[in-house]
Amino acid sequence: MQAVVQTRYGKVRGHADNGVTAFLGIPYAAPPFGPRRFQAPQPPEPWDGVRDATAYGPTAPKPGYPRPFDVLLPDPEIPGEDCLNLNVWTPDPGGSGMPVMVWIHGGAFRNGSGAVPVYNGANFARDGVVCVTINYRLGVEGFAHLPGAPANRGLLDQIAALEWVRDNIAAFGGDPGRVTVFGESAGGMSVSTLLSLDLGLFRRAVAQSGAGGVAQTAEDALLVTKEMAARLGVEPTAEGFARLAPAEIIPVQSAVAAEVAAFPDPNRWGASTAAGGMSLTPVIDGDLLERRPEEAVAAGAGRDVDLLTGYTTDEFRLFLMPTGLAGALPPDAVGLVAAGMGVPPHVVDGYRDRHAGLTPGELLATIITDSLFRIPANRLAEGHAAHAPTWMYEFAWRSPRPDLGACHALELGFVFDNLRFEDTEGMAGPNPPQRLADAMHRAWVDFATDGDPGWQRFDADARHVKVFDAVADAVVRDPHGDDRKLWG
């Protein structure tokens, strides 16, 4: 069964199935190539007739994940230039006033898309929510700091997508005044960053495993730009990079990203780049971003937005265990890697004392989990709770896959209630607990619908955290509090 909806740029035809209508691959901005490459997003060209919207649109240029992450994190690649597109799942395109959730995917700002199978929004629509997933420019195209081009182009794409939602979502049955933006990893960092900008484009926000809103200084970002330019043999400017096709840039982009992740040396890459462990992130450019997101939120930015934020118990195990790196890590490397990412020596010593039974790889995973995810989530929650309703969660269910634990991205199939999808099996195994997906998905739906996920608010004193696990869901006061206190 098909359905047609009128947007501001033309009509789109979607496909209805089991009470949900999906509209896929709708352009929210013009293709960012040719004269529009490295520029701010521009509106799409209007079209005549009815545009088919029954298949995902092109994805942004990106590398493939290396093994074994290509199995753990399936990431489809769809060719074409019209990559600034989005997808809408609605329970009733003829309805009105329904809550809206807009998903921003993760992938370290260089991978991912709204077409990843686990992000299928049909089950949100089944439960009365209009769900939107978006693409945005990645890697050099979206986040390299290039003289002669606006900074933070990927963030500008996300804002353009949210503006499209504001202007068009009522035609799909959604309420533009009841928008929740949510995202994980780089998407969670994007949510935290957007929260700090006071855009007025969303009422609620969910930052999953990315509350820190990682941001480079412009000076450090230029170090990365110059290194890539030198390897490519071009000038470190927008004009220089524009001489090369994205496919020519991506191998060098990937090589530099791997070096930053493996050797986060602040003397080479700058302190802000090393601390985040990623080569290309949003940049404090003095225009769109004037300071780090958590600083802006603590000062009151985003005070009109309800916030839900959290993390998984063993985030960083995803990056150390499947590759075998954790098992090969010598004890003295723990302090070196942690120091490169800005972890104070006394914190490393405190973790060694408190977690004496861990192997070096397990200890580093625990420290970096807290450095990049748990501590930033607590700081964001503390800052926001002083101004607006705030909730915190922890995802604690452990994967049956060896040594992964409750690792980064494991919660995605539970949030979207898509455990039946084959691409969730790589991390979650063949029989993940549906009861946990029921609870977690319902909490996200309730938050988007009523502004309350179902447990006590977070505050800096009581520090209530909802812990999602297969055995029992519980609200815990200050989980991992002794480790947290090591950070001051």
Protein backbone atom coordinates (compact mmCIF):
# COMPACT_ATOMS: atom_id res chain seq x y z
CA MET A 1 0.00 0.00 0.00
CA GLN A 2 1.34 3.46 -0.88
CA ALA A 3 0.78 6.92 0.56
CA VAL A 4 1.60 10.40 -0.79
CA VAL A 5 2.57 13.42 1.35
CA GLN A 6 3.14 17.01 0.24
CA THR A 7 6.36 18.59 1.55
CA ARG A 8 7.56 22.14 0.91
CA TYR A 9 9.73 20.90 -1.95
CA GLY A 10 7.34 18.45 -3.60
CA LYS A 11 5.27 15.33 -3.09
CA VAL A 12 6.78 12.07 -1.82
CA ARG A 13 5.40 8.55 -2.08
CA GLY A 14 5.98 6.14 0.80
CA HIS A 15 5.07 2.55 1.55
CA ALA A 16 2.65 1.40 4.26
CA ASP A 17 3.04 -1.93 6.04
CA ASN A 18 1.52 -3.24 9.30
CA GLY A 19 0.11 0.13 10.26
CA VAL A 20 3.34 2.09 9.67
CA THR A 21 4.15 4.21 6.61
CA ALA A 22 7.82 4.72 5.72
CA PHE A 23 9.13 7.55 3.54
CA LEU A 24 12.79 6.94 2.76
CA GLY A 25 15.55 8.99 1.16
CA ILE A 26 13.84 12.40 1.24
CA PRO A 27 16.38 15.17 0.48
CA TYR A 28 16.52 17.89 3.13
CA ALA A 29 19.39 19.75 1.42
CA ALA A 30 21.00 19.90 -1.99
CA PRO A 31 23.85 17.50 -2.90
CA PRO A 32 27.04 18.88 -1.25
CA PHE A 33 29.28 18.50 -4.29
CA GLY A 34 30.51 20.65 -7.16
CA PRO A 35 30.21 24.35 -6.25
CA ARG A 36 28.43 23.37 -2.99
CA ARG A 37 31.28 21.19 -1.74
CA PHE A 38 32.67 22.30 1.63
CA GLN A 39 29.92 24.92 1.87
CA ALA A 40 27.01 25.27 4.29
CA PRO A 41 24.01 23.12 3.29
CA GLN A 42 21.64 24.63 0.74
CA PRO A 43 17.92 23.86 0.31
CA PRO A 44 17.06 21.06 -2.10
CA GLU A 45 15.71 21.85 -5.54
CA PRO A 46 11.91 21.49 -5.66
CA TRP A 47 10.60 18.71 -7.88
CA ASP A 48 7.50 18.22 -10.00
CA GLY A 49 5.26 15.20 -9.77
CA VAL A 50 5.58 12.60 -7.01
CA ARG A 51 9.04 11.53 -5.84
CA ASP A 52 9.44 7.87 -4.94
CA ALA A 53 10.46 7.50 -1.29
CA THR A 54 10.38 3.73 -0.85
CA ALA A 55 14.14 3.04 -0.70
CA TYR A 56 16.98 4.53 1.33
CA GLY A 57 18.85 7.33 -0.40
CA PRO A 58 22.61 7.67 -0.96
CA THR A 59 24.90 7.67 2.06
CA ALA A 60 27.64 10.24 2.67
CA PRO A 61 31.16 9.35 1.46
CA LYS A 62 32.89 7.23 4.11
CA PRO A 63 35.36 4.38 4.57
CA GLY A 64 34.26 0.87 5.36
CA TYR A 65 34.83 -0.38 8.88
CA PRO A 66 37.92 -2.62 9.21
CA ARG A 67 37.56 -6.13 10.54
CA PRO A 68 36.07 -7.18 12.93
CA PHE A 69 34.01 -3.99 13.20
CA ASP A 70 32.46 -4.56 9.77
CA VAL A 71 30.58 -7.49 11.35
CA LEU A 72 29.91 -5.88 14.72
CA LEU A 73 28.73 -2.57 13.22
CA PRO A 74 27.09 -3.15 9.81
CA ASP A 75 27.27 0.07 7.79
CA PRO A 76 25.63 0.01 4.34
CA GLU A 77 27.06 2.14 1.56
CA ILE A 78 24.63 3.49 -1.04
CA PRO A 79 26.21 5.40 -3.98
CA GLY A 80 24.99 8.78 -5.19
CA GLU A 81 25.50 12.49 -4.56
CA ASP A 82 22.09 13.27 -3.04
CA CYS A 83 23.34 12.10 0.36
CA LEU A 84 21.79 14.80 2.57
CA ASN A 85 18.56 12.91 2.99
CA LEU A 86 16.37 11.61 5.78
CA ASN A 87 13.81 8.90 6.48
CA VAL A 88 10.40 9.17 8.17
CA TRP A 89 8.29 6.44 9.76
CA THR A 90 4.80 7.52 10.81
CA PRO A 91 1.79 5.73 12.28
CA ASP A 92 -0.56 7.97 10.33
CA PRO A 93 0.46 10.45 7.61
CA GLY A 94 -3.03 11.90 7.84
CA GLY A 95 -2.84 12.40 11.61
CA SER A 96 -1.63 15.32 13.68
CA GLY A 97 0.00 16.24 16.96
CA MET A 98 2.16 13.14 17.40
CA PRO A 99 5.54 13.32 19.17
CA VAL A 100 8.59 13.28 16.91
CA MET A 101 11.99 11.66 17.47
CA VAL A 102 14.94 12.60 15.24
CA TRP A 103 17.89 10.17 15.31
CA ILE A 104 21.49 11.28 14.72
CA HIS A 105 23.70 8.28 14.01
CA GLY A 106 27.13 7.57 15.44
CA GLY A 107 30.34 6.44 13.76
CA ALA A 108 33.15 8.68 15.11
CA PHE A 109 32.06 11.47 12.71
CA ARG A 110 33.37 9.41 9.79
CA ASN A 111 31.01 6.41 9.48
CA GLY A 112 27.32 5.59 9.70
CA SER A 113 24.07 6.74 8.12
CA GLY A 114 20.34 6.82 8.71
CA ALA A 115 20.09 3.65 6.60
CA VAL A 116 21.79 1.35 9.13
CA PRO A 117 19.25 -1.46 9.59
CA VAL A 118 19.08 -1.32 13.38
CA TYR A 119 17.93 2.32 13.11
CA ASN A 120 14.70 1.30 11.38
CA GLY A 121 12.10 3.48 13.08
CA ALA A 122 9.01 1.35 12.46
CA ASN A 123 8.68 0.25 16.07
CA PHE A 124 8.74 3.84 17.30
CA ALA A 125 5.94 4.57 14.83
CA ARG A 126 4.12 1.45 16.01
CA ASP A 127 4.11 3.05 19.46
CA GLY A 128 2.75 6.42 18.33
CA VAL A 129 5.93 8.35 17.54
CA VAL A 130 6.93 9.85 14.19
CA CYS A 131 10.56 8.71 13.85
CA VAL A 132 13.14 10.41 11.61
CA THR A 133 16.70 9.26 10.87
CA ILE A 134 19.15 11.51 9.05
CA ASN A 135 22.41 11.52 7.11
CA TYR A 136 25.03 14.24 7.46
CA ARG A 137 28.45 14.87 5.93
CA LEU A 138 31.26 12.82 7.49
CA GLY A 139 35.03 12.90 7.75
CA VAL A 140 36.86 15.63 5.84
CA GLU A 141 33.69 16.59 3.96
CA GLY A 142 31.81 17.42 7.16
CA PHE A 143 34.33 18.06 9.91
CA ALA A 144 37.83 18.94 8.67
CA HIS A 145 38.73 22.49 9.65
CA LEU A 146 39.50 24.01 6.24
CA PRO A 147 40.49 27.64 5.71
CA GLY A 148 38.16 29.05 3.09
CA ALA A 149 35.16 26.97 4.17
CA PRO A 150 32.67 27.20 7.05
CA ALA A 151 33.60 25.01 9.99
CA ASN A 152 31.36 22.28 11.40
CA ARG A 153 29.62 21.52 8.12
CA GLY A 154 28.34 18.22 9.48
CA LEU A 155 26.69 20.03 12.39
CA LEU A 156 25.21 22.56 9.96
CA ASP A 157 23.73 19.60 8.07
CA GLN A 158 22.14 18.30 11.27
CA ILE A 159 20.66 21.72 11.95
CA ALA A 160 19.32 21.89 8.38
CA ALA A 161 17.67 18.49 8.89
CA LEU A 162 16.05 19.71 12.12
CA GLU A 163 14.82 22.81 10.28
CA TRP A 164 13.31 20.52 7.63
CA VAL A 165 11.54 18.63 10.42
CA ARG A 166 10.22 21.89 11.86
CA ASP A 167 8.87 22.95 8.47
CA ASN A 168 7.56 19.62 7.14
CA ILE A 169 6.87 17.08 9.87
CA ALA A 170 3.25 18.18 10.40
CA ALA A 171 2.52 16.77 6.92
CA PHE A 172 3.51 13.34 8.29
CA GLY A 173 1.36 13.67 11.42
CA GLY A 174 4.09 15.02 13.71
CA ASP A 175 4.02 17.99 16.06
CA PRO A 176 6.99 20.33 15.35
CA GLY A 177 6.67 21.57 18.93
CA ARG A 178 7.23 18.08 20.39
CA VAL A 179 10.53 17.08 18.83
CA THR A 180 13.06 14.92 20.69
CA VAL A 181 16.52 14.71 19.18
CA PHE A 182 18.44 11.57 20.12
CA GLY A 183 21.73 10.01 19.11
CA GLU A 184 24.53 7.66 20.15
CA SER A 185 28.33 7.95 20.16
CA ALA A 186 29.19 10.73 17.67
CA GLY A 187 25.43 11.19 17.43
CA GLY A 188 25.23 11.60 21.21
CA MET A 189 28.10 14.08 21.06
CA SER A 190 26.18 15.91 18.35
CA VAL A 191 23.07 15.98 20.55
CA SER A 192 25.07 17.46 23.43
CA THR A 193 26.54 20.04 21.08
CA LEU A 194 23.16 20.97 19.59
CA LEU A 195 21.76 21.25 23.12
CA SER A 196 24.40 23.86 23.89
CA LEU A 197 23.41 26.07 20.94
CA ASP A 198 19.88 27.07 22.06
CA LEU A 199 18.48 26.43 18.59
CA GLY A 200 14.81 26.22 19.58
CA LEU A 201 14.40 23.26 17.21
CA PHE A 202 13.67 20.53 19.78
CA ARG A 203 11.96 20.17 23.16
CA ARG A 204 13.81 17.13 24.48
CA ALA A 205 17.18 15.48 23.95
CA VAL A 206 18.70 12.04 24.53
CA ALA A 207 22.51 11.78 24.49
CA GLN A 208 23.57 8.12 24.45
CA SER A 209 27.24 7.32 25.03
CA GLY A 210 28.36 10.73 23.89
CA ALA A 211 27.46 13.32 26.47
CA GLY A 212 30.80 15.06 26.34
CA GLY A 213 30.18 16.95 23.12
CA VAL A 214 33.81 16.42 22.04
CA ALA A 215 35.25 19.55 20.44
CA GLN A 216 38.66 20.48 19.08
CA THR A 217 40.20 23.90 19.25
CA ALA A 218 40.67 25.47 15.84
CA GLU A 219 44.45 25.35 16.30
CA ASP A 220 44.47 21.61 17.04
CA ALA A 221 42.03 20.88 14.21
CA LEU A 222 44.39 22.63 11.79
CA LEU A 223 47.21 20.29 12.85
CA VAL A 224 45.12 17.38 11.58
CA THR A 225 44.23 19.27 8.39
CA LYS A 226 47.88 20.03 7.67
CA GLU A 227 48.94 16.43 8.26
CA MET A 228 46.34 15.10 5.84
CA ALA A 229 47.14 17.79 3.27
CA ALA A 230 50.85 16.98 3.41
CA ARG A 231 50.18 13.30 2.77
CA LEU A 232 47.81 14.14 -0.08
CA GLY A 233 50.13 16.70 -1.65
CA VAL A 234 47.64 19.60 -1.54
CA GLU A 235 47.37 22.90 0.26
CA PRO A 236 45.64 22.67 3.69
CA THR A 237 42.66 24.72 2.48
CA ALA A 238 39.18 24.09 1.14
CA GLU A 239 40.47 24.90 -2.35
CA GLY A 240 43.30 22.41 -1.98
CA PHE A 241 41.11 19.55 -0.77
CA ALA A 242 38.48 20.33 -3.42
CA ARG A 243 40.99 19.29 -6.09
CA LEU A 244 40.56 15.70 -4.92
CA ALA A 245 37.50 13.47 -4.99
CA PRO A 246 36.29 12.16 -1.62
CA ALA A 247 37.43 8.65 -2.57
CA GLU A 248 41.01 9.95 -2.93
CA ILE A 249 40.93 11.61 0.49
CA ILE A 250 39.33 8.83 2.52
CA PRO A 251 42.36 6.45 2.69
CA VAL A 252 44.56 9.21 4.12
CA GLN A 253 41.76 10.36 6.40
CA SER A 254 41.49 6.79 7.72
CA ALA A 255 45.24 6.45 8.24
CA VAL A 256 45.41 9.66 10.27
CA ALA A 257 42.33 8.67 12.28
CA ALA A 258 43.94 5.32 13.13
CA GLU A 259 47.14 7.03 14.28
CA VAL A 260 45.28 9.49 16.50
CA ALA A 261 43.28 6.64 18.07
CA ALA A 262 46.31 4.40 18.63
CA PHE A 263 48.77 7.12 19.66
CA PRO A 264 46.87 10.10 21.10
CA ASP A 265 49.97 12.27 21.44
CA PRO A 266 49.00 15.83 22.47
CA ASN A 267 52.39 17.11 21.33
CA ARG A 268 51.66 15.99 17.78
CA TRP A 269 47.90 16.33 17.46
CA GLY A 270 47.07 18.93 20.10
CA ALA A 271 45.55 18.32 23.52
CA SER A 272 41.91 18.65 22.44
CA THR A 273 42.34 16.15 19.59
CA ALA A 274 44.22 13.63 21.73
CA ALA A 275 41.73 13.89 24.60
CA GLY A 276 38.87 12.82 22.35
CA GLY A 277 40.85 10.13 20.57
CA MET A 278 39.32 11.18 17.22
CA SER A 279 40.94 13.16 14.43
CA LEU A 280 37.83 14.89 13.05
CA THR A 281 35.23 16.32 15.42
CA PRO A 282 33.26 19.55 15.84
CA VAL A 283 35.51 22.60 16.16
CA ILE A 284 35.33 25.55 18.52
CA ASP A 285 35.34 28.05 15.69
CA GLY A 286 34.09 31.17 17.52
CA ASP A 287 31.06 31.24 15.23
CA LEU A 288 28.75 28.24 15.63
CA LEU A 289 30.69 26.88 18.63
CA GLU A 290 32.13 29.42 21.01
CA ARG A 291 33.05 27.06 23.86
CA ARG A 292 32.89 23.41 24.86
CA PRO A 293 29.29 22.19 25.00
CA GLU A 294 29.34 21.05 28.63
CA GLU A 295 30.59 24.49 29.68
CA ALA A 296 27.75 26.19 27.82
CA VAL A 297 25.17 23.80 29.30
CA ALA A 298 26.49 24.34 32.83
CA ALA A 299 26.05 28.08 32.24
CA GLY A 300 22.40 27.54 31.31
CA ALA A 301 22.37 26.83 27.58
CA GLY A 302 19.59 24.41 26.68
CA ARG A 303 17.56 25.28 29.78
CA ASP A 304 14.33 24.89 27.78
CA VAL A 305 15.15 21.28 26.85
CA ASP A 306 14.53 18.15 28.95
CA LEU A 307 17.56 15.84 28.90
CA LEU A 308 18.07 12.09 29.18
CA THR A 309 21.70 10.99 29.09
CA GLY A 310 23.71 7.91 29.90
CA TYR A 311 26.25 5.30 28.92
CA THR A 312 26.97 1.57 28.82
CA THR A 313 28.92 -0.04 31.65
CA ASP A 314 31.85 -1.22 29.53
CA GLU A 315 31.88 1.24 26.62
CA PHE A 316 35.51 1.01 25.57
CA ARG A 317 35.71 -2.78 25.53
CA LEU A 318 34.29 -2.59 21.99
CA PHE A 319 37.50 -0.91 20.78
CA LEU A 320 40.03 -3.05 22.65
CA MET A 321 38.69 -6.58 23.00
CA PRO A 322 37.60 -7.74 19.50
CA THR A 323 40.94 -6.79 17.91
CA GLY A 324 43.07 -8.61 20.48
CA LEU A 325 44.74 -5.34 21.42
CA ALA A 326 43.68 -5.65 25.04
CA GLY A 327 45.40 -9.02 25.44
CA ALA A 328 48.66 -7.69 23.98
CA LEU A 329 48.78 -4.49 26.03
CA PRO A 330 51.79 -4.28 28.38
CA PRO A 331 51.19 -2.86 31.87
CA ASP A 332 53.25 0.29 31.31
CA ALA A 333 51.15 1.21 28.24
CA VAL A 334 48.08 1.88 30.36
CA GLY A 335 49.48 5.06 31.87
CA LEU A 336 50.97 6.25 28.57
CA VAL A 337 47.74 5.92 26.59
CA ALA A 338 45.65 7.37 29.39
CA ALA A 339 48.03 10.32 29.81
CA GLY A 340 47.87 11.03 26.08
CA MET A 341 44.09 11.29 26.39
CA GLY A 342 44.40 13.73 29.27
CA VAL A 343 43.76 11.38 32.20
CA PRO A 344 45.65 12.66 35.29
CA PRO A 345 48.26 10.26 36.73
CA HIS A 346 46.56 10.18 40.14
CA VAL A 347 43.38 8.92 38.48
CA VAL A 348 45.27 6.10 36.76
CA ASP A 349 46.89 5.18 40.08
CA GLY A 350 43.52 5.22 41.79
CA TYR A 351 42.04 2.83 39.22
CA ARG A 352 45.03 0.49 39.57
CA ASP A 353 44.40 0.33 43.32
CA ARG A 354 40.64 -0.04 43.05
CA HIS A 355 40.70 -2.58 40.19
CA ALA A 356 43.80 -4.60 41.03
CA GLY A 357 42.41 -7.80 39.53
CA LEU A 358 42.02 -6.45 35.99
CA THR A 359 44.42 -7.18 33.15
CA PRO A 360 46.13 -4.14 31.59
CA GLY A 361 43.66 -4.20 28.70
CA GLU A 362 40.66 -4.42 31.01
CA LEU A 363 42.05 -1.63 33.19
CA LEU A 364 42.61 0.67 30.21
CA ALA A 365 39.10 -0.09 28.95
CA THR A 366 37.67 0.85 32.35
CA ILE A 367 39.65 4.09 32.58
CA ILE A 368 38.83 5.24 29.02
CA THR A 369 35.17 4.24 29.43
CA ASP A 370 35.00 6.68 32.31
CA SER A 371 37.18 9.33 30.68
CA LEU A 372 35.22 9.51 27.40
CA PHE A 373 31.73 8.46 28.48
CA ARG A 374 30.74 8.05 32.15
CA ILE A 375 32.42 11.14 33.61
CA PRO A 376 31.28 13.44 30.74
CA ALA A 377 27.73 12.10 31.15
CA ASN A 378 27.82 12.90 34.85
CA ARG A 379 29.20 16.37 34.22
CA LEU A 380 26.62 17.13 31.54
CA ALA A 381 23.84 15.88 33.82
CA GLU A 382 25.13 17.92 36.75
CA GLY A 383 25.32 21.08 34.68
CA HIS A 384 21.93 20.65 33.03
CA ALA A 385 20.11 19.50 36.19
CA ALA A 386 20.82 22.89 37.73
CA HIS A 387 18.59 24.46 35.07
CA ALA A 388 16.19 21.87 33.63
CA PRO A 389 14.72 18.37 34.15
CA THR A 390 17.42 15.74 33.68
CA TRP A 391 17.50 11.94 33.83
CA MET A 392 20.39 9.48 33.67
CA TYR A 393 20.63 5.80 32.75
CA GLU A 394 23.24 3.04 32.54
CA PHE A 395 22.96 0.06 30.18
CA ALA A 396 24.50 -2.88 32.05
CA TRP A 397 23.45 -6.04 30.18
CA ARG A 398 26.55 -7.95 29.12
CA SER A 399 26.90 -9.42 25.66
CA PRO A 400 27.38 -13.19 25.41
CA ARG A 401 30.22 -12.49 22.98
CA PRO A 402 33.60 -13.05 24.69
CA ASP A 403 34.94 -10.08 26.65
CA LEU A 404 32.61 -7.44 25.16
CA GLY A 405 30.66 -6.87 28.36
CA ALA A 406 28.10 -4.08 28.18
CA CYS A 407 30.06 -2.42 25.40
CA HIS A 408 29.61 0.66 23.26
CA ALA A 409 26.62 0.54 20.86
CA LEU A 410 25.21 -2.66 22.40
CA GLU A 411 22.08 -0.83 23.56
CA LEU A 412 21.00 0.26 20.06
CA GLY A 413 18.89 -2.79 19.24
CA PHE A 414 17.17 -2.42 22.61
CA VAL A 415 16.40 1.28 22.20
CA PHE A 416 14.91 0.74 18.73
CA ASP A 417 13.32 -2.59 19.77
CA ASN A 418 14.98 -4.19 16.77
CA LEU A 419 16.57 -7.26 18.33
CA ARG A 420 15.11 -9.43 15.58
CA PHE A 421 17.31 -7.70 13.02
CA GLU A 422 20.23 -9.84 11.86
CA ASP A 423 22.74 -7.00 12.23
CA THR A 424 22.22 -6.91 16.01
CA GLU A 425 23.46 -10.48 16.42
CA GLY A 426 27.14 -9.61 15.97
CA MET A 427 27.25 -7.97 19.39
CA ALA A 428 24.07 -9.07 21.17
CA GLY A 429 24.21 -12.76 20.24
CA PRO A 430 21.33 -14.93 19.00
CA ASN A 431 18.98 -14.61 21.99
CA PRO A 432 19.14 -11.15 23.60
CA PRO A 433 16.49 -10.47 26.25
CA GLN A 434 13.35 -9.01 24.68
CA ARG A 435 12.07 -7.95 28.10
CA LEU A 436 14.99 -5.52 28.35
CA ALA A 437 14.20 -4.10 24.91
CA ASP A 438 10.56 -3.68 25.97
CA ALA A 439 11.64 -1.67 29.03
CA MET A 440 14.26 0.48 27.36
CA HIS A 441 12.26 1.24 24.21
CA ARG A 442 9.22 2.13 26.33
CA ALA A 443 11.29 4.55 28.42
CA TRP A 444 12.45 6.37 25.27
CA VAL A 445 8.88 6.52 23.90
CA ASP A 446 7.52 7.80 27.22
CA PHE A 447 10.24 10.46 27.41
CA ALA A 448 9.44 11.71 23.90
CA THR A 449 5.69 11.58 24.57
CA ASP A 450 5.34 12.91 28.11
CA GLY A 451 8.79 14.17 29.11
CA ASP A 452 9.27 11.47 31.78
CA PRO A 453 11.11 8.18 31.16
CA GLY A 454 9.73 6.69 34.36
CA TRP A 455 12.22 7.14 37.19
CA GLN A 456 13.53 9.83 39.52
CA ARG A 457 15.26 12.84 38.07
CA PHE A 458 19.00 13.22 38.37
CA ASP A 459 20.46 15.83 40.70
CA ALA A 460 24.00 16.41 41.86
CA ASP A 461 23.23 15.19 45.39
CA ALA A 462 21.07 12.06 45.02
CA ARG A 463 22.51 11.13 41.57
CA HIS A 464 19.71 8.70 40.66
CA VAL A 465 20.61 6.49 37.70
CA LYS A 466 18.34 3.93 36.05
CA VAL A 467 20.33 0.75 35.44
CA PHE A 468 18.97 -1.37 32.58
CA ASP A 469 19.85 -5.04 32.93
CA ALA A 470 18.19 -8.34 32.00
CA VAL A 471 17.83 -9.57 35.57
CA ALA A 472 16.29 -6.50 37.15
CA ASP A 473 15.85 -2.83 36.35
CA ALA A 474 16.78 -0.70 39.32
CA VAL A 475 17.36 2.93 40.17
CA VAL A 476 20.77 3.21 41.82
CA ARG A 477 22.28 6.17 43.60
CA ASP A 478 25.67 7.12 42.18
CA PRO A 479 26.78 3.83 40.60
CA HIS A 480 30.58 3.63 40.37
CA GLY A 481 30.67 6.58 42.75
CA ASP A 482 34.09 5.75 44.19
CA ASP A 483 35.61 5.77 40.71
CA ARG A 484 33.77 9.00 39.89
CA LYS A 485 35.23 10.74 42.91
CA LEU A 486 38.76 10.09 41.65
CA TRP A 487 38.09 12.65 38.91
CA GLY A 488 37.21 15.42 41.35
